[in-house]
Each structure stands twice: as C-alpha cells, then as structure tokens.
N, C-alpha and C. Protein backbone atom coordinates (compact mmCIF):
# COMPACT_ATOMS: atom_id res chain seq x y z
N UNK A 1 -11.47 21.35 29.03
CA UNK A 1 -10.80 20.64 27.25
C UNK A 1 -9.97 19.35 27.17
N UNK A 2 -10.53 18.27 26.69
CA UNK A 2 -9.22 17.16 26.90
C UNK A 2 -8.17 17.23 26.14
N UNK A 3 -7.00 16.90 26.43
CA UNK A 3 -6.19 16.72 25.71
C UNK A 3 -6.26 15.93 24.99
N UNK A 4 -5.36 16.26 23.76
CA UNK A 4 -5.07 14.91 22.25
C UNK A 4 -4.26 14.28 23.29
N UNK A 5 -3.74 12.22 23.22
CA UNK A 5 -2.44 11.76 23.33
C UNK A 5 -1.83 11.42 22.30
N UNK A 6 -0.72 11.82 21.69
CA UNK A 6 0.26 11.84 20.80
C UNK A 6 0.52 10.05 20.38
N UNK A 7 0.64 9.83 20.02
CA UNK A 7 0.89 8.13 19.32
C UNK A 7 2.12 7.82 19.46
N UNK A 8 2.53 6.52 19.34
CA UNK A 8 3.33 6.13 19.30
C UNK A 8 3.90 5.71 18.06
N UNK A 9 5.03 6.28 18.20
CA UNK A 9 5.74 5.92 16.46
C UNK A 9 5.73 4.51 16.14
N UNK A 10 4.94 3.15 16.55
CA UNK A 10 4.69 2.33 16.26
C UNK A 10 2.49 2.48 16.68
N UNK A 11 2.26 2.90 17.01
CA UNK A 11 0.73 3.38 16.56
C UNK A 11 1.03 4.09 15.64
N UNK A 12 1.79 4.78 15.52
CA UNK A 12 1.43 5.34 13.39
C UNK A 12 1.68 4.25 12.62
N UNK A 13 3.01 3.96 12.58
CA UNK A 13 2.78 2.81 11.93
C UNK A 13 1.85 1.92 11.63
N UNK A 14 1.08 1.46 12.79
CA UNK A 14 0.08 0.61 12.69
C UNK A 14 -1.08 0.98 12.28
N UNK A 15 -1.24 2.40 12.01
CA UNK A 15 -2.36 3.68 11.82
C UNK A 15 -2.18 3.53 10.17
N UNK A 16 -0.74 3.63 9.94
CA UNK A 16 -0.41 3.67 8.08
C UNK A 16 -0.68 2.48 7.47
N UNK A 17 -0.18 1.05 8.15
CA UNK A 17 -0.76 -0.01 7.30
C UNK A 17 -2.19 -0.06 7.38
N UNK A 18 -2.52 0.09 8.29
CA UNK A 18 -4.10 0.20 8.03
C UNK A 18 -4.63 1.61 6.86
N UNK A 19 -3.89 2.54 6.60
CA UNK A 19 -4.85 3.07 6.21
C UNK A 19 -3.97 2.97 4.15
N UNK A 20 -2.74 2.44 4.39
CA UNK A 20 -2.43 2.11 2.87
C UNK A 20 -2.67 1.09 2.72
N UNK A 21 -3.90 0.09 3.17
CA UNK A 21 -4.01 -1.38 2.94
C UNK A 21 -5.63 -0.66 2.19
N UNK A 22 -6.50 -0.28 3.38
CA UNK A 22 -7.24 0.20 2.53
C UNK A 22 -7.53 1.42 1.73
N UNK A 23 -6.38 2.15 1.26
CA UNK A 23 -6.19 3.17 0.37
C UNK A 23 -5.91 2.23 -1.15
N UNK A 24 -5.41 1.09 -1.17
CA UNK A 24 -4.82 -0.02 -2.26
C UNK A 24 -6.73 -0.82 -2.29
N UNK A 25 -6.90 -0.92 -1.28
CA UNK A 25 -8.18 -1.64 -2.03
C UNK A 25 -8.95 -0.92 -2.88
N UNK A 26 -9.46 0.00 -2.40
CA UNK A 26 -9.76 1.41 -3.08
C UNK A 26 -9.71 1.56 -4.38
N UNK A 27 -7.93 1.94 -4.50
CA UNK A 27 -7.64 2.46 -5.41
C UNK A 27 -7.98 0.87 -7.44
N UNK A 28 -8.38 0.11 -6.18
CA UNK A 28 -7.75 -1.24 -7.09
C UNK A 28 -9.28 -1.52 -8.00
N UNK A 29 -10.84 -1.04 -7.06
CA UNK A 29 -11.84 -0.87 -7.16
C UNK A 29 -12.28 -2.34 -6.16
N UNK A 30 -11.68 -2.37 -4.81
CA UNK A 30 -12.81 -3.45 -4.70
C UNK A 30 -13.27 -2.85 -3.14
N UNK A 31 -13.91 -3.26 -2.83
CA UNK A 31 -15.26 -3.18 -1.40
C UNK A 31 -14.55 -3.89 -0.39
N UNK A 32 -13.03 -3.79 0.03
CA UNK A 32 -13.20 -4.39 1.03
C UNK A 32 -11.87 -3.73 1.51
N UNK A 33 -11.97 -3.97 3.23
CA UNK A 33 -11.44 -3.62 4.00
C UNK A 33 -10.17 -3.53 4.80
N UNK A 34 -9.50 -2.81 5.38
CA UNK A 34 -8.76 -3.55 5.89
C UNK A 34 -10.00 -4.90 7.52
N UNK A 35 -10.24 -4.14 7.63
CA UNK A 35 -11.20 -4.82 8.98
C UNK A 35 -11.50 -6.25 8.66
N UNK A 36 -11.54 -6.03 6.84
CA UNK A 36 -12.62 -7.37 6.68
C UNK A 36 -11.17 -8.63 6.47
N UNK A 37 -9.80 -7.87 6.51
CA UNK A 37 -9.07 -9.24 6.01
C UNK A 37 -8.43 -9.19 7.40
N UNK A 38 -8.33 -8.28 8.43
CA UNK A 38 -7.26 -8.72 9.11
C UNK A 38 -7.11 -9.87 10.29
N UNK A 39 -7.90 -10.81 10.34
CA UNK A 39 -7.80 -11.68 11.52
C UNK A 39 -7.65 -13.17 10.33
N UNK A 40 -7.48 -12.63 9.02
CA UNK A 40 -7.58 -13.83 8.05
C UNK A 40 -6.04 -14.68 8.22
N UNK A 41 -5.73 -15.46 8.37
CA UNK A 41 -4.17 -16.62 8.16
C UNK A 41 -3.70 -17.00 7.64
N UNK A 42 -4.76 -17.02 5.78
CA UNK A 42 -4.32 -17.22 4.09
C UNK A 42 -3.88 -16.08 3.73
N UNK A 43 -3.58 -16.50 2.32
CA UNK A 43 -3.43 -15.70 1.77
C UNK A 43 -3.94 -14.74 1.29
N UNK A 44 -4.67 -13.52 1.60
CA UNK A 44 -5.48 -12.69 1.38
C UNK A 44 -5.56 -12.09 0.53
N UNK A 45 -3.62 -11.49 0.07
CA UNK A 45 -3.61 -10.26 -1.04
C UNK A 45 -3.19 -11.31 -2.36
N UNK A 46 -3.67 -12.72 -2.56
CA UNK A 46 -3.75 -12.87 -3.61
C UNK A 46 -5.88 -13.60 -4.47
N UNK A 47 -6.86 -12.72 -3.55
CA UNK A 47 -7.80 -13.46 -4.49
C UNK A 47 -7.99 -11.73 -4.82
N UNK A 48 -7.77 -10.74 -5.02
CA UNK A 48 -7.61 -9.62 -5.49
C UNK A 48 -6.54 -9.28 -5.80
N UNK A 49 -6.81 -8.75 -7.28
CA UNK A 49 -5.64 -8.45 -8.16
C UNK A 49 -6.00 -6.56 -8.29
N UNK A 50 -4.74 -5.91 -9.06
CA UNK A 50 -4.80 -4.60 -9.30
C UNK A 50 -3.83 -4.39 -10.41
N UNK A 51 -3.82 -3.23 -11.26
CA UNK A 51 -3.18 -3.66 -12.69
C UNK A 51 -2.36 -3.39 -12.28
N UNK A 52 -0.61 -3.14 -12.77
CA UNK A 52 0.44 -2.51 -12.78
C UNK A 52 0.67 -0.73 -12.57
N UNK A 53 -0.75 0.20 -13.40
CA UNK A 53 -0.78 1.30 -12.69
C UNK A 53 -1.55 2.28 -11.71
N UNK A 54 -2.60 0.99 -11.43
CA UNK A 54 -2.85 1.27 -10.03
C UNK A 54 -2.07 0.75 -9.26
N UNK A 55 -0.71 0.03 -9.10
CA UNK A 55 -0.34 -0.43 -8.44
C UNK A 55 0.80 0.98 -8.64
N UNK A 56 1.22 1.28 -9.17
CA UNK A 56 2.38 2.53 -9.08
C UNK A 56 1.58 4.08 -8.21
N UNK A 57 0.30 3.99 -9.19
CA UNK A 57 -0.08 5.00 -8.57
C UNK A 57 0.00 4.88 -7.62
N UNK A 58 -0.72 4.15 -6.47
CA UNK A 58 -1.01 3.85 -5.22
C UNK A 58 0.20 3.81 -4.43
N UNK A 59 1.43 3.11 -4.92
CA UNK A 59 3.07 4.00 -4.16
C UNK A 59 3.53 5.01 -4.34
N UNK A 60 2.90 5.65 -5.59
CA UNK A 60 3.13 7.44 -5.44
C UNK A 60 2.00 8.04 -4.34
N UNK A 61 1.10 7.47 -3.92
CA UNK A 61 0.10 7.83 -3.02
C UNK A 61 0.67 7.49 -2.09
N UNK A 62 0.98 6.14 -1.85
CA UNK A 62 1.65 5.92 -0.18
C UNK A 62 3.06 6.30 0.18
N UNK A 63 3.76 7.14 -0.67
CA UNK A 63 5.49 7.78 -0.44
C UNK A 63 4.64 8.97 0.25
N UNK A 64 4.00 9.21 -0.31
CA UNK A 64 3.14 11.03 0.04
C UNK A 64 3.06 10.72 1.35
N UNK A 65 1.78 9.73 1.41
CA UNK A 65 1.03 9.30 3.29
C UNK A 65 2.40 9.32 3.91
N UNK A 66 3.28 8.15 3.08
CA UNK A 66 4.22 7.98 4.77
C UNK A 66 4.86 9.58 4.99
N UNK A 67 5.30 9.94 4.40
CA UNK A 67 6.62 11.28 4.41
C UNK A 67 5.61 12.30 5.16
N UNK A 68 4.53 13.11 4.85
CA UNK A 68 4.05 13.89 5.78
C UNK A 68 2.95 13.07 7.38
N UNK A 69 2.44 11.26 7.58
CA UNK A 69 2.68 11.31 8.69
C UNK A 69 3.85 10.85 9.28
N UNK A 70 4.68 9.66 8.48
CA UNK A 70 5.62 9.52 9.43
C UNK A 70 6.91 10.09 9.45
N UNK A 71 6.88 11.43 8.64
CA UNK A 71 8.21 12.08 8.32
C UNK A 71 9.12 12.37 8.36
N UNK A 72 9.15 10.40 7.50
CA UNK A 72 10.51 10.02 6.81
C UNK A 72 10.29 10.85 5.39
N UNK A 73 11.76 11.05 4.59
CA UNK A 73 12.34 11.97 4.28
C UNK A 73 11.26 11.04 2.58
N UNK A 74 12.18 11.10 1.58
CA UNK A 74 11.24 10.88 0.49
C UNK A 74 11.90 9.14 0.06
N UNK A 75 13.39 9.06 -0.15
CA UNK A 75 13.96 7.94 -0.36
C UNK A 75 13.56 6.89 0.53
N UNK A 76 13.21 6.97 2.14
CA UNK A 76 13.24 6.75 3.31
C UNK A 76 11.44 5.80 2.69
N UNK A 77 11.19 7.00 2.45
CA UNK A 77 9.45 6.95 2.06
C UNK A 77 9.20 5.68 1.08
N UNK A 78 10.14 5.57 -0.14
CA UNK A 78 10.08 4.77 -1.39
C UNK A 78 10.15 4.09 -0.57
N UNK A 79 11.54 3.22 0.13
CA UNK A 79 12.44 2.50 0.89
C UNK A 79 10.89 1.58 1.24
N UNK A 80 9.92 2.17 2.18
CA UNK A 80 8.86 1.05 3.12
C UNK A 80 7.76 1.48 2.96
N UNK A 81 7.66 1.83 1.22
CA UNK A 81 6.17 1.51 -0.02
C UNK A 81 6.32 0.62 0.09
N UNK A 82 8.02 0.55 -0.96
CA UNK A 82 8.65 -1.37 -1.58
C UNK A 82 8.22 -2.16 -1.28
N UNK A 83 8.67 -2.21 0.89
CA UNK A 83 8.26 -3.21 1.82
C UNK A 83 7.31 -3.10 2.06
N UNK A 84 6.03 -2.16 2.35
CA UNK A 84 4.45 -2.64 1.74
C UNK A 84 4.14 -3.03 0.77
N UNK A 85 4.28 -3.33 -0.02
CA UNK A 85 3.71 -3.36 -1.69
C UNK A 85 4.44 -4.70 -1.62
N UNK A 86 5.39 -5.44 -0.58
CA UNK A 86 5.38 -6.52 -1.13
C UNK A 86 5.73 -7.74 -0.47
N UNK A 87 4.52 -7.08 1.19
CA UNK A 87 4.12 -7.96 2.09
C UNK A 87 2.49 -7.67 2.28
N UNK A 88 1.83 -6.61 1.33
CA UNK A 88 0.77 -6.76 1.52
C UNK A 88 -0.16 -6.55 -0.23
N UNK A 89 0.91 -5.92 -0.69
CA UNK A 89 0.61 -5.44 -2.36
C UNK A 89 -0.40 -6.65 -2.92
N UNK A 90 -1.15 -6.15 -3.84
CA UNK A 90 -2.41 -7.09 -4.30
C UNK A 90 -1.41 -7.23 -5.28
N UNK A 91 -1.55 -8.82 -6.19
CA UNK A 91 -1.13 -9.37 -7.79
C UNK A 91 -1.25 -8.30 -8.50
N UNK A 92 -0.99 -8.51 -9.22
CA UNK A 92 -1.22 -7.72 -10.88
C UNK A 92 -1.81 -8.20 -12.17
N UNK A 93 -3.02 -7.52 -11.97
CA UNK A 93 -3.74 -8.46 -12.93
C UNK A 93 -2.48 -8.29 -14.88
N UNK A 94 -2.05 -7.63 -15.18
CA UNK A 94 -1.43 -7.55 -15.86
C UNK A 94 0.34 -7.58 -15.78
N UNK A 95 0.73 -7.81 -15.09
CA UNK A 95 1.58 -8.08 -14.57
C UNK A 95 2.85 -8.47 -15.87
N UNK A 96 2.36 -9.52 -16.49
CA UNK A 96 3.66 -10.16 -17.75
C UNK A 96 3.12 -9.19 -19.04
N UNK A 97 1.94 -8.91 -19.13
CA UNK A 97 2.16 -7.52 -20.40
C UNK A 97 2.73 -6.33 -20.18
N UNK A 98 3.02 -6.30 -19.29
CA UNK A 98 4.08 -5.19 -18.31
C UNK A 98 5.07 -5.02 -18.80
N UNK A 99 5.85 -6.18 -18.19
CA UNK A 99 6.56 -6.56 -18.21
C UNK A 99 7.25 -6.92 -19.98
N UNK A 100 6.51 -7.36 -20.68
CA UNK A 100 6.77 -6.64 -22.27
C UNK A 100 7.14 -6.22 -22.70
N UNK A 101 5.46 -5.10 -22.65
CA UNK A 101 5.71 -3.77 -22.84
C UNK A 101 7.38 -3.13 -22.55
N UNK A 102 7.92 -3.51 -21.40
CA UNK A 102 8.83 -2.83 -20.89
C UNK A 102 9.76 -2.78 -21.92
N UNK A 103 9.85 -4.52 -21.96
CA UNK A 103 11.57 -5.03 -22.32
C UNK A 103 11.03 -4.39 -24.23
N UNK A 104 9.78 -4.70 -24.77
CA UNK A 104 10.01 -3.84 -26.19
C UNK A 104 10.37 -2.28 -25.94
N UNK A 105 10.13 -1.93 -24.94
CA UNK A 105 10.83 -0.20 -25.77
C UNK A 105 12.09 -0.20 -24.47
N UNK A 106 13.15 -1.39 -24.43
CA UNK A 106 14.08 -0.92 -24.04
C UNK A 106 14.97 -1.68 -24.83
C-alpha cells in the first residue's frame, strides 16, 4: 500500500491559489483556467471581468475553502481572501454602479 505524502504549508498555499483562481473564472463565467494564464507576465486579470455579486460570492466560497483546506480561522481566511482578490481578482464590470447604489442606500 502506497502512503500519501503530506503537502507542506507552501504546497498547500500553491494549490489553494490555483483552486481559487480556477473557481473565480468559473463563477465569472469564463472558460479560462489557471493553466491558461500561469506563464503570462502581463496584467491578465484585466482581460476578463466579473460582477460585484460574483466577486462577493467568490470571496465567500474562497473563505470557506481556505478555512477548510488551510485550517485558518474565519477572520484570517477572510483577510487572506482580501489579499487574493487584490493580487489576482478580476476587475468588476459594475463597480461604479455598485458604489453609487451603496451610497444611495447609506
């Protein structure tokens, strides 16, 4: 019987980044994967967009993923998702409308 080798913390994070980016593209409705963009040096994340609702849904999904797979607390997972979104998140096509609606409500 072959034993499964445990991933290091760094390997778990590398896998998490791939999974988070792939899920972001899926939630945004794009047929792109991490493998399609991994070797690009340009600002690939500006080529595709997602809505603010898709972005919020992705952050919720990612927080749960990070909590489960990287065993972080809810607060730490939320903070990490903010960093992931900042580094690799797609631009939001309806950001200005979202901000205006939020201002009108408050």
